[in-house]
Protein backbone atom coordinates (compact mmCIF):
# COMPACT_ATOMS: atom_id res chain seq x y z
CA MET A 1 34.77 -131.68 98.04
CA LYS A 2 37.12 -128.73 97.07
CA PRO A 3 39.89 -126.93 99.38
CA THR A 4 39.29 -123.39 100.32
CA SER A 5 42.04 -120.74 102.05
CA GLU A 6 19.72 -147.16 144.90
CA LYS A 7 21.35 -144.98 147.09
CA ASP A 8 19.88 -141.21 146.49
CA SER A 9 22.71 -138.81 145.41
CA SER A 10 21.94 -136.68 148.21
CA GLN A 11 23.05 -139.53 150.44
CA VAL A 12 26.78 -139.55 148.96
CA SER A 13 28.91 -137.35 150.76
CA ARG A 14 32.37 -135.75 150.30
CA ARG A 15 33.61 -138.42 152.96
CA ASP A 16 32.44 -141.07 151.61
CA VAL A 17 34.34 -140.41 148.22
CA PHE A 18 37.47 -139.97 150.65
CA ARG A 19 36.81 -143.21 152.42
CA ALA A 20 36.55 -144.93 148.66
CA GLY A 21 40.56 -144.29 148.65
CA THR A 22 40.84 -146.07 144.69
CA ALA A 23 39.79 -145.18 141.80
CA ALA A 24 37.94 -148.59 141.51
CA SER A 25 36.10 -147.86 144.74
CA VAL A 26 34.96 -144.47 143.46
CA ALA A 27 33.79 -145.84 140.42
CA SER A 28 31.70 -148.31 142.15
CA LEU A 29 30.36 -145.53 144.20
CA LEU A 30 29.56 -143.46 140.94
CA ALA A 31 28.00 -147.10 139.95
CA ALA A 32 25.49 -146.89 143.02
CA LEU A 33 24.01 -143.67 141.98
CA PRO A 34 20.74 -144.02 140.59
CA LEU A 35 20.41 -143.07 136.70
CA ARG A 36 18.45 -140.01 135.81
CA SER A 37 15.43 -140.71 133.46
CA SER A 38 16.60 -137.63 131.36
CA ALA A 39 19.94 -139.12 130.48
CA ALA A 40 19.45 -142.55 128.88
CA PRO A 41 22.60 -144.79 127.73
CA ALA A 42 24.73 -142.88 125.48
CA ALA A 43 23.98 -145.74 122.43
CA ARG A 44 26.85 -146.73 120.11
CA LEU A 45 28.86 -143.97 121.82
CA PRO A 46 32.71 -145.59 121.38
CA THR A 47 34.47 -146.79 124.61
CA ARG A 48 37.43 -145.54 125.68
CA GLY A 49 39.03 -146.11 129.00
CA SER A 50 36.22 -147.33 131.36
CA GLY A 51 33.83 -145.64 129.50
CA PRO A 52 30.81 -143.03 129.69
CA ASN A 53 29.83 -144.30 133.00
CA VAL A 54 31.04 -141.97 135.14
CA TYR A 55 29.19 -139.11 133.23
CA GLU A 56 25.90 -141.10 132.85
CA LYS A 57 25.68 -142.18 136.61
CA ALA A 58 25.84 -138.53 137.22
CA GLY A 59 22.59 -137.62 134.56
CA CYS A 60 25.18 -136.26 131.99
CA ARG A 61 25.25 -137.77 128.40
CA PRO A 62 28.62 -137.40 126.46
CA PHE A 63 29.01 -136.63 123.09
CA ILE A 64 30.91 -136.75 120.17
CA ASN A 65 32.50 -133.60 119.92
CA CYS A 66 33.07 -132.03 116.36
CA THR A 67 33.70 -128.46 117.97
CA ALA A 68 37.06 -129.65 118.62
CA THR A 69 38.60 -126.61 121.54
CA TYR A 70 35.69 -124.83 122.58
CA THR A 71 35.96 -124.67 126.46
CA ILE A 72 32.02 -125.50 126.70
CA ASN A 73 32.22 -128.62 125.11
CA GLY A 74 35.20 -129.83 126.96
CA GLY A 75 38.05 -128.80 124.83
CA SER A 76 40.04 -131.05 122.80
CA ALA A 77 41.06 -134.96 122.70
CA GLN A 78 43.90 -135.00 125.68
CA LEU A 79 46.75 -136.70 124.37
CA PRO A 80 47.09 -140.21 125.81
CA GLU A 81 50.53 -139.74 127.25
CA VAL A 82 48.79 -136.32 129.30
CA ILE A 83 46.18 -138.79 130.95
CA ASP A 84 48.76 -140.91 132.22
CA ALA A 85 50.95 -137.86 133.27
CA VAL A 86 47.62 -136.43 135.34
CA HIS A 87 47.23 -139.66 136.58
CA GLU A 88 50.22 -140.70 137.88
CA ALA A 89 50.75 -136.95 139.47
CA ALA A 90 47.54 -137.39 141.65
CA TYR A 91 49.26 -140.39 143.94
CA TYR A 92 51.82 -137.95 145.07
CA HIS A 93 52.51 -134.62 146.75
CA VAL A 94 54.96 -131.97 145.90
CA ASN A 95 55.14 -128.05 147.01
CA LEU A 96 54.06 -126.24 144.24
CA ASP A 97 56.59 -123.17 144.14
CA GLU A 98 58.92 -126.07 144.06
CA LEU A 99 56.88 -128.12 141.16
CA MET A 100 56.50 -124.55 139.43
CA ALA A 101 60.81 -123.88 139.74
CA ALA A 102 61.50 -127.35 138.04
CA ILE A 103 58.63 -127.21 135.32
CA GLY A 104 58.66 -123.70 134.26
CA PRO A 105 62.10 -123.45 133.00
CA ARG A 106 61.94 -126.83 130.97
CA ILE A 107 58.78 -125.70 129.46
CA ALA A 108 60.49 -122.00 128.59
CA GLU A 109 63.23 -124.29 127.28
CA LEU A 110 61.33 -126.52 125.19
CA LEU A 111 59.35 -123.28 123.85
CA GLY A 112 62.05 -121.17 122.93
CA GLY A 113 61.24 -118.37 125.30
CA GLU A 114 63.29 -116.55 128.31
CA ALA A 115 61.10 -118.14 131.42
CA ALA A 116 57.52 -119.83 131.81
CA MET A 117 54.57 -120.73 134.07
CA VAL A 118 51.33 -122.71 133.70
CA SER A 119 48.09 -121.07 134.61
CA SER A 120 44.79 -121.56 134.64
CA GLY A 121 44.12 -121.77 131.40
CA ALA A 122 45.00 -119.21 128.83
CA ALA A 123 42.42 -116.37 130.27
CA GLY A 124 44.63 -116.57 133.74
CA ALA A 125 47.86 -116.13 131.81
CA VAL A 126 46.31 -112.98 130.84
CA THR A 127 45.19 -112.12 133.86
CA CYS A 128 48.66 -113.18 135.82
CA GLY A 129 50.51 -111.36 132.81
CA THR A 130 48.54 -107.96 133.12
CA LEU A 131 49.17 -109.10 137.35
CA ALA A 132 52.75 -108.65 136.34
CA CYS A 133 52.86 -105.41 134.77
CA VAL A 134 50.46 -103.71 137.11
CA ALA A 135 51.28 -104.77 140.66
CA GLY A 136 54.79 -106.41 139.61
CA GLY A 137 56.39 -107.90 142.85
CA ASP A 138 55.02 -105.54 145.19
CA PRO A 139 52.94 -107.43 148.11
CA GLU A 140 51.10 -103.63 148.81
CA LYS A 141 49.35 -103.48 144.88
CA MET A 142 48.88 -107.07 144.85
CA GLN A 143 46.79 -106.59 148.02
CA GLN A 144 45.03 -103.28 146.87
CA LEU A 145 43.81 -104.62 143.54
CA PRO A 146 41.88 -104.71 141.64
CA ASP A 147 41.45 -100.90 143.17
CA THR A 148 44.42 -99.14 141.10
CA THR A 149 44.19 -95.73 143.14
CA GLY A 150 47.76 -94.60 142.70
CA ILE A 151 48.72 -97.52 140.54
CA LYS A 152 49.22 -96.92 136.60
CA ASN A 153 46.41 -98.53 135.16
CA GLU A 154 46.00 -97.83 131.28
CA VAL A 155 46.26 -100.57 128.95
CA ILE A 156 46.68 -99.61 125.18
CA VAL A 157 44.83 -101.76 122.48
CA PRO A 158 44.01 -101.66 119.26
CA SER A 159 40.26 -101.77 118.58
CA TRP A 160 40.69 -103.95 115.64
CA SER A 161 42.53 -106.51 118.09
CA ARG A 162 39.46 -106.98 120.89
CA SER A 163 37.48 -109.53 121.78
CA THR A 164 35.26 -110.64 124.72
CA TYR A 165 38.28 -112.41 126.06
CA ASP A 166 40.40 -109.21 127.13
CA HIS A 167 37.78 -109.23 130.11
CA ALA A 168 40.94 -111.28 131.63
CA VAL A 169 42.62 -108.20 131.28
CA ARG A 170 40.08 -105.69 132.34
CA THR A 171 39.14 -108.16 135.14
CA THR A 172 42.37 -106.52 136.96
CA GLY A 173 40.70 -103.07 136.98
CA ILE A 174 42.72 -101.22 134.41
CA ASN A 175 41.42 -98.92 131.58
CA MET A 176 41.65 -100.31 128.20
CA VAL A 177 42.99 -97.11 126.05
CA GLU A 178 41.96 -98.16 122.28
CA VAL A 179 43.94 -97.22 119.30
CA THR A 180 43.36 -97.57 115.87
CA THR A 181 45.89 -95.93 113.56
CA LEU A 182 49.73 -95.62 113.85
CA ASP A 183 49.52 -92.13 115.21
CA ASP A 184 46.94 -92.75 117.54
CA LEU A 185 49.07 -95.48 118.82
CA LYS A 186 52.03 -92.61 118.58
CA ASN A 187 49.96 -90.43 120.69
CA ALA A 188 48.53 -93.15 123.79
CA PHE A 189 51.54 -93.50 126.00
CA GLY A 190 51.42 -91.63 129.10
CA PRO A 191 51.81 -91.64 132.67
CA LYS A 192 49.51 -93.75 133.65
CA THR A 193 50.14 -96.70 130.79
CA VAL A 194 51.08 -99.89 132.31
CA MET A 195 51.07 -102.53 129.23
CA CYS A 196 50.43 -102.56 125.32
CA THR A 197 48.14 -105.80 124.74
CA GLY A 198 45.97 -107.75 121.85
CA GLN A 199 45.10 -110.76 119.91
CA VAL A 200 46.83 -112.70 117.42
CA ASN A 201 45.38 -111.11 114.68
CA VAL A 202 48.19 -108.90 115.57
CA LEU A 203 50.50 -110.61 113.17
CA ARG A 204 48.28 -109.91 109.79
CA ASP A 205 49.82 -107.79 107.64
CA SER A 206 46.46 -105.82 106.74
CA ASN A 207 46.35 -104.18 109.85
CA PRO A 208 46.65 -100.64 109.89
CA PHE A 209 50.23 -101.12 111.75
CA THR A 210 52.21 -103.79 112.27
CA LEU A 211 53.44 -105.99 115.09
CA GLU A 212 56.58 -104.60 115.12
CA GLN A 213 55.64 -101.24 115.06
CA PHE A 214 53.41 -102.07 118.15
CA THR A 215 56.08 -103.46 119.86
CA ALA A 216 58.93 -100.81 118.92
CA GLU A 217 56.46 -97.91 120.30
CA ALA A 218 56.05 -99.81 123.66
CA ARG A 219 59.32 -100.46 123.72
CA LYS A 220 60.54 -96.73 123.81
CA HIS A 221 58.25 -96.11 126.65
CA GLY A 222 59.25 -98.58 128.61
CA VAL A 223 56.20 -100.75 128.53
CA PRO A 224 55.48 -104.62 128.12
CA VAL A 225 53.46 -106.15 125.46
CA LEU A 226 51.12 -109.21 126.11
CA ILE A 227 49.55 -111.14 123.69
CA ASP A 228 46.56 -113.42 123.86
CA ALA A 229 47.21 -116.49 121.62
CA ALA A 230 45.17 -118.65 123.35
CA ALA A 231 43.84 -121.25 120.06
CA ASP A 232 47.29 -121.29 118.25
CA LEU A 233 49.95 -123.74 118.92
CA PRO A 234 52.61 -122.73 120.32
CA LEU A 235 55.29 -122.35 117.42
CA VAL A 236 59.47 -122.66 118.07
CA PRO A 237 60.87 -119.95 116.55
CA ASN A 238 57.91 -118.19 118.50
CA PRO A 239 56.78 -115.68 115.88
CA LEU A 240 55.61 -113.46 118.52
CA LEU A 241 58.57 -113.10 120.61
CA ALA A 242 60.68 -112.64 118.14
CA LYS A 243 58.74 -109.68 117.11
CA GLY A 244 59.56 -107.96 120.39
CA VAL A 245 56.34 -109.12 122.46
CA ASP A 246 56.90 -109.74 126.03
CA LEU A 247 54.42 -112.11 127.14
CA VAL A 248 52.61 -114.63 125.18
CA ALA A 249 49.51 -116.47 126.83
CA TYR A 250 48.53 -119.85 125.51
CA SER A 251 45.91 -122.48 125.95
CA GLY A 252 47.00 -125.84 127.50
CA GLY A 253 43.81 -127.55 126.13
CA LYS A 254 43.36 -126.61 122.43
CA ILE A 255 45.70 -128.02 119.58
CA LEU A 256 48.29 -128.37 122.39
CA ARG A 257 45.60 -131.21 123.96
CA GLY A 258 46.90 -130.70 127.05
CA PRO A 259 44.87 -130.39 130.30
CA GLN A 260 41.56 -127.92 129.47
CA THR A 261 41.70 -126.07 132.44
CA ALA A 262 45.49 -125.46 132.20
CA GLY A 263 47.23 -122.59 130.45
CA ILE A 264 50.84 -121.28 129.83
CA LEU A 265 52.65 -117.93 129.95
CA LEU A 266 55.62 -117.51 128.17
CA GLY A 267 58.14 -115.01 127.77
CA ARG A 268 60.39 -112.12 129.54
CA LYS A 269 61.58 -113.98 133.31
CA ASP A 270 61.17 -110.88 135.37
CA LEU A 271 57.39 -110.52 134.07
CA ILE A 272 57.19 -114.56 134.63
CA THR A 273 58.40 -114.59 138.46
CA ALA A 274 55.71 -111.29 139.00
CA ALA A 275 52.97 -113.20 137.19
CA PHE A 276 53.33 -116.39 139.48
CA ALA A 277 53.91 -114.26 142.51
CA ASN A 278 50.53 -112.81 141.98
CA SER A 279 48.90 -115.90 141.10
CA ALA A 280 47.79 -119.03 143.11
CA PRO A 281 48.81 -120.95 145.64
CA HIS A 282 50.16 -117.16 146.63
CA HIS A 283 47.42 -114.82 148.37
CA ALA A 284 46.98 -112.07 146.03
CA PHE A 285 44.52 -111.16 143.23
CA ALA A 286 44.61 -114.47 141.39
CA ARG A 287 44.18 -116.97 143.85
CA ALA A 288 41.32 -117.74 142.81
CA MET A 289 42.69 -118.98 139.73
CA LYS A 290 44.41 -121.95 140.99
CA CYS A 291 46.15 -124.57 139.06
CA SER A 292 46.52 -128.38 140.01
CA LYS A 293 50.15 -130.48 140.22
CA GLU A 294 48.22 -132.69 137.75
CA GLU A 295 47.59 -129.62 135.26
CA ILE A 296 51.24 -128.60 135.62
CA VAL A 297 52.88 -132.08 135.25
CA GLY A 298 49.94 -132.42 132.04
CA VAL A 299 50.93 -129.38 130.55
CA TYR A 300 54.37 -130.21 131.07
CA VAL A 301 54.18 -133.84 129.24
CA ALA A 302 51.65 -131.99 126.52
CA VAL A 303 54.60 -129.66 125.34
CA HIS A 304 57.21 -132.06 125.98
CA SER A 305 55.45 -134.15 123.38
CA LEU A 306 55.05 -131.54 120.92
CA MET A 307 58.68 -130.98 120.71
CA ASN A 308 59.59 -134.77 120.74
CA GLY A 309 57.56 -136.91 118.90
CA ARG A 310 54.12 -135.61 118.18
CA SER A 311 53.59 -135.12 114.37
CA ARG A 312 51.28 -132.09 113.75
CA LYS A 313 51.71 -132.81 110.13
CA ALA A 314 51.04 -136.57 110.92
CA GLU A 315 47.50 -135.63 112.79
CA ASP A 316 46.28 -132.93 109.84
CA ASP A 317 46.62 -135.37 107.44
CA LEU A 318 44.70 -137.99 109.08
CA TRP A 319 42.10 -135.23 110.26
CA ARG A 320 41.92 -134.84 106.56
CA SER A 321 41.62 -138.12 105.50
CA TRP A 322 38.58 -138.02 107.72
CA TYR A 323 37.19 -135.12 106.04
CA LYS A 324 37.29 -137.33 102.72
CA GLU A 325 35.37 -140.03 104.14
CA ILE A 326 32.51 -137.88 105.38
CA ASP A 327 32.19 -135.97 101.91
CA ALA A 328 31.90 -139.37 100.08
CA GLN A 329 29.13 -140.48 102.51
CA VAL A 330 27.21 -136.69 102.66
CA THR A 331 27.51 -135.65 99.03
CA LYS A 332 25.88 -139.27 98.13
CA VAL A 333 22.62 -136.84 99.24
CA ASP A 334 21.90 -134.41 96.22
CA GLY A 335 22.33 -130.83 97.35
CA VAL A 336 25.25 -131.24 100.06
CA THR A 337 28.53 -130.22 99.49
CA THR A 338 31.57 -129.97 101.47
CA SER A 339 34.87 -128.18 101.38
CA VAL A 340 38.38 -127.75 103.63
CA ASN A 341 39.52 -124.78 105.09
CA GLN A 342 43.17 -125.06 105.21
CA PRO A 343 44.86 -123.40 108.02
CA ALA A 344 46.77 -120.29 107.51
CA SER A 345 49.78 -121.43 109.51
CA ALA A 346 51.13 -123.87 111.20
CA ALA A 347 49.60 -123.05 114.38
CA ASN A 348 46.35 -123.70 113.32
CA TYR A 349 44.62 -127.08 111.98
CA PRO A 350 42.29 -128.17 108.69
CA THR A 351 38.33 -127.54 109.13
CA LEU A 352 35.69 -128.79 107.20
CA ASN A 353 32.57 -126.86 105.86
CA VAL A 354 29.30 -128.89 105.38
CA GLU A 355 26.86 -127.17 103.12
CA TRP A 356 23.26 -127.74 101.93
CA ASP A 357 20.73 -126.72 99.32
CA PRO A 358 17.90 -125.33 101.16
CA LYS A 359 15.71 -125.94 98.31
CA LYS A 360 16.66 -129.80 98.25
CA ILE A 361 17.02 -129.93 101.94
CA GLY A 362 14.30 -128.00 104.33
CA LEU A 363 16.42 -127.58 107.14
CA THR A 364 18.05 -125.09 109.17
CA SER A 365 21.79 -125.14 110.42
CA GLY A 366 20.14 -125.13 113.83
CA GLU A 367 17.49 -127.84 113.07
CA LEU A 368 20.28 -130.01 112.03
CA GLY A 369 22.41 -129.50 115.14
CA LYS A 370 19.30 -130.26 117.31
CA MET A 371 18.79 -133.63 115.49
CA LEU A 372 22.40 -134.22 116.22
CA LEU A 373 22.33 -133.37 119.78
CA ASP A 374 19.37 -135.47 120.53
CA GLY A 375 20.15 -138.61 118.58
CA ASN A 376 22.27 -141.42 119.54
CA PRO A 377 25.06 -141.37 119.66
CA ARG A 378 24.73 -137.47 120.58
CA VAL A 379 26.76 -135.12 118.38
CA GLN A 380 27.95 -131.87 119.67
CA THR A 381 28.76 -129.24 116.43
CA HIS A 382 28.65 -125.88 115.13
CA ALA A 383 25.40 -125.87 113.56
CA GLY A 384 22.90 -123.37 114.56
CA GLY A 385 20.96 -120.76 114.12
CA GLY A 386 19.05 -120.26 110.88
CA GLY A 387 21.47 -120.75 108.12
CA HIS A 388 22.69 -123.82 106.09
CA ARG A 389 25.98 -124.51 107.26
CA PHE A 390 28.35 -125.58 109.70
CA ARG A 391 31.92 -125.75 110.34
CA LEU A 392 33.20 -129.16 111.80
CA ARG A 393 36.46 -129.05 113.88
CA PRO A 394 38.35 -132.22 114.85
CA CYS A 395 40.97 -131.74 117.75
CA ALA A 396 38.23 -133.42 119.84
CA MET A 397 37.29 -136.65 117.84
CA TYR A 398 38.60 -139.93 118.39
CA GLU A 399 39.53 -142.70 115.61
CA GLY A 400 36.84 -143.62 114.04
CA GLU A 401 34.34 -140.75 115.70
CA HIS A 402 34.32 -139.43 111.73
CA LYS A 403 32.36 -142.52 110.52
CA LEU A 404 29.24 -142.20 112.93
CA VAL A 405 29.14 -138.56 112.58
CA ALA A 406 28.96 -139.20 108.48
CA ALA A 407 26.18 -142.07 108.93
CA ARG A 408 24.48 -139.38 111.24
CA LEU A 409 24.71 -136.59 108.59
CA GLU A 410 23.85 -138.51 105.74
CA GLU A 411 20.27 -140.24 107.79
CA ILE A 412 19.39 -136.58 108.38
CA PHE A 413 20.16 -135.13 104.99
CA ARG A 414 18.39 -138.16 103.52
CA ASN A 415 15.25 -138.42 105.42
CA ALA A 416 15.17 -134.16 105.59
CA PRO A 417 12.19 -132.35 103.96
CA GLY A 418 12.11 -130.58 100.81
CA GLU A 419 12.10 -126.59 100.45
CA LYS A 420 10.23 -125.02 103.66
CA LYS A 421 8.33 -122.31 102.82
CA PRO A 422 8.62 -119.45 105.45
CA THR A 423 5.54 -119.20 107.64
CA PRO A 424 3.37 -116.14 106.60
CA LEU A 425 3.52 -113.34 109.18
CA LYS A 426 -0.37 -112.26 110.34
CA PRO A 427 -1.31 -108.93 109.97
CA PRO A 428 -0.37 -106.84 113.01
CA THR A 429 -3.71 -106.25 115.83
CA VAL A 430 -2.02 -104.35 118.03
CA THR A 431 0.14 -101.35 117.84
CA ILE A 432 3.31 -101.03 119.42
CA ASP A 433 4.90 -97.69 117.81
CA GLY A 434 6.83 -95.39 120.62
CA HIS A 435 8.43 -95.64 124.32
CA TRP A 436 8.35 -98.59 126.43
CA ASP A 437 9.85 -99.22 129.95
CA ILE A 438 10.91 -102.71 130.16
CA ASP A 439 11.88 -104.60 133.50
CA ILE A 440 13.65 -107.92 132.71
CA GLN A 441 13.68 -110.41 135.79
CA PHE A 442 16.72 -112.52 135.99
CA SER A 443 17.37 -115.78 137.96
CA MET A 444 18.55 -113.40 140.69
CA GLY A 445 17.88 -109.69 140.49
CA SER A 446 16.02 -107.57 137.92
CA THR A 447 16.82 -104.72 135.70
CA GLN A 448 15.16 -101.98 133.97
CA HIS A 449 16.11 -100.64 130.00
CA ASP A 450 13.85 -98.85 127.30
CA VAL A 451 13.09 -99.11 124.11
CA PHE A 452 11.76 -97.13 121.15
CA PHE A 453 9.57 -99.05 118.72
CA ALA A 454 8.61 -97.90 115.13
CA THR A 455 6.88 -100.17 112.50
CA GLN A 456 5.97 -100.79 108.66
CA GLY A 457 3.17 -103.28 108.95
CA ASN A 458 5.32 -106.26 110.26
CA LYS A 459 8.56 -104.83 110.57
CA VAL A 460 9.75 -103.38 113.81
CA THR A 461 12.47 -101.18 113.81
CA GLY A 462 13.46 -98.51 116.92
CA GLN A 463 16.64 -98.05 118.94
CA TYR A 464 17.02 -100.36 122.61
CA THR A 465 18.94 -98.65 125.12
CA GLY A 466 20.07 -101.00 128.11
CA ARG A 467 21.58 -99.56 131.50
CA ILE A 468 24.58 -99.00 129.47
CA THR A 469 24.14 -100.81 125.85
CA GLU A 470 22.08 -99.46 122.72
CA LYS A 471 21.22 -100.94 119.83
CA PRO A 472 19.33 -100.58 117.08
CA VAL A 473 16.27 -102.92 116.75
CA SER A 474 15.15 -105.17 114.32
CA GLY A 475 12.27 -107.04 115.18
CA THR A 476 8.36 -108.62 113.75
CA VAL A 477 4.88 -108.24 114.97
CA SER A 478 2.39 -110.78 113.77
CA GLY A 479 -1.34 -110.30 115.23
CA ASN A 480 -0.22 -109.39 118.87
CA GLU A 481 2.68 -111.37 119.11
CA VAL A 482 5.68 -109.43 119.10
CA LYS A 483 9.84 -110.64 118.59
CA PHE A 484 12.96 -108.03 118.87
CA THR A 485 16.11 -108.08 119.52
CA GLY A 486 17.91 -106.05 121.83
CA GLY A 487 21.32 -105.81 123.60
CA GLY A 488 24.49 -103.70 122.68
CA LYS A 489 27.97 -103.35 123.40
CA VAL A 490 30.16 -103.66 126.75
CA GLU A 491 34.19 -102.97 126.08
CA ALA A 492 34.79 -106.00 123.49
CA THR A 493 31.81 -107.57 124.23
CA ALA A 494 28.56 -107.78 121.91
CA LEU A 495 25.70 -108.62 123.89
CA SER A 496 22.29 -109.83 122.14
CA TYR A 497 18.85 -110.36 123.75
CA SER A 498 16.42 -111.87 121.84
CA PHE A 499 12.92 -111.16 122.76
CA THR A 500 9.75 -113.00 122.35
CA GLY A 501 6.02 -112.07 123.82
CA HIS A 502 2.78 -110.63 123.24
CA VAL A 503 1.11 -107.24 123.60
CA GLN A 504 -1.92 -106.13 125.47
CA GLY A 505 -2.77 -102.87 125.51
CA ASP A 506 -0.52 -100.75 126.80
CA HIS A 507 1.71 -104.13 128.29
CA MET A 508 3.77 -106.63 126.84
CA SER A 509 5.56 -109.32 128.55
CA GLY A 510 7.08 -112.70 127.51
CA GLU A 511 10.80 -114.51 127.53
CA VAL A 512 14.22 -113.22 126.47
CA SER A 513 17.08 -115.00 125.36
CA LEU A 514 20.19 -113.72 126.92
CA GLY A 515 22.46 -116.02 124.73
CA GLU A 516 25.30 -117.64 126.85
CA TYR A 517 23.66 -116.15 129.96
CA GLY A 518 20.17 -118.07 130.32
CA PRO A 519 16.95 -116.95 129.54
CA ALA A 520 14.99 -114.62 131.68
CA ARG A 521 11.13 -112.88 131.73
CA TRP A 522 10.27 -109.54 130.84
CA THR A 523 7.70 -107.20 130.74
CA ALA A 524 7.04 -103.72 129.21
CA LYS A 525 4.70 -100.83 129.55
CA ARG A 526 3.93 -98.26 127.11
CA ARG A 527 5.79 -94.47 128.38
CA ALA A 528 2.74 -92.43 128.70
């Protein structure tokens, strides 16, 4: 290892659950639910709390989570004290305005900010922060949004600091104004500019302009700066606030290890006050972004623990020791190597790369990932696609689980086939060159796109045009089977569609994978 930088579920009503009254009664109620055949018990999965029964009885099998903080896989492992606090908070009721007024200042004091609020995740914090800048404390503007008629509605963002997550800014109805250079930035401010934003990569020294330059230009025009630092640990002193940032958004359920669906907005008191006014429980744009009393308490306990006794160094050292054990076991198999990615700053944590030689181990990363997830115990990883490596991230793993992961990896690698030769493509039996009109049928609704194909042997190139996207085509044709990619970019989000189908004369049909948005059916007709 080398370092590198018998009661049917439909008969169980909400009233039944309410009448259950206690956790024990709820547990017995869940136990009455039939176990679906598709969800066998999670063999050998370590037991914590009362075990995974609450999921299994609902027909869902838990897994060992090697993807750390990914929301879709449940986020990181909550601290025991957070779990206890959330449990205790459930037994009593408080007024949420009073609770936030009590806890917000405590979080701010612990994190070295002027003020703070607990939000519905980091995305909720970003949206509420944007609302604070756009609507302020004005109830009429709050009710008008996302219609920004007559309201300042331009947000400046570095082109190199955008991501799909800035949808949390765009959702308020504003327009993003991209800048790349310092001159672009200086010339971008105008009468409609209401905020500047970016991701945490604004701290990098290699950027076209520095964070200090970013905040200085914004300050000249009286424009607040909001930075999305969702995946980072809040540090004290705060490197973003220290460089002039007005608002910073953090996730509560990533490396902070608080409730997964909560977040923190930290920064200027006037903006935090306005952000909370725009958020639940108040009737404004972000009313839907509710944060429960249990989550608010859980975030506070996570922050308090971070600043009073929790040792991030000890956690990193423990995770590195797990990596050594995994390395020692998996590298027994010829062709497997590992390396540790050291954290770039104290806000991050070490991760482990696992890599293998495809000439010795005939598995793709995607095949390995499926085998891990289909096995017992189930292991969820970042292994996917056609490569031969993946990254293991530790923040959602519990003591002892690394041994199970190491054993599963060694077992799969040791029993893997040797080098796989690619299946040769068949000579094309159809001609697809030219323009085609595509109809995509979603689970709800449909859309019409078009594509131009040019072929050379089995190779397919061309241009894909969606409703508001476009993208060069790459693909293959084998016999009468066609595979190609489509999609394009919307704002900062790259959409990728993977089409597979068959050609019959002037018609095609098949299935398209829309990535995280699921599958759809498609048909196409050659344009006359």
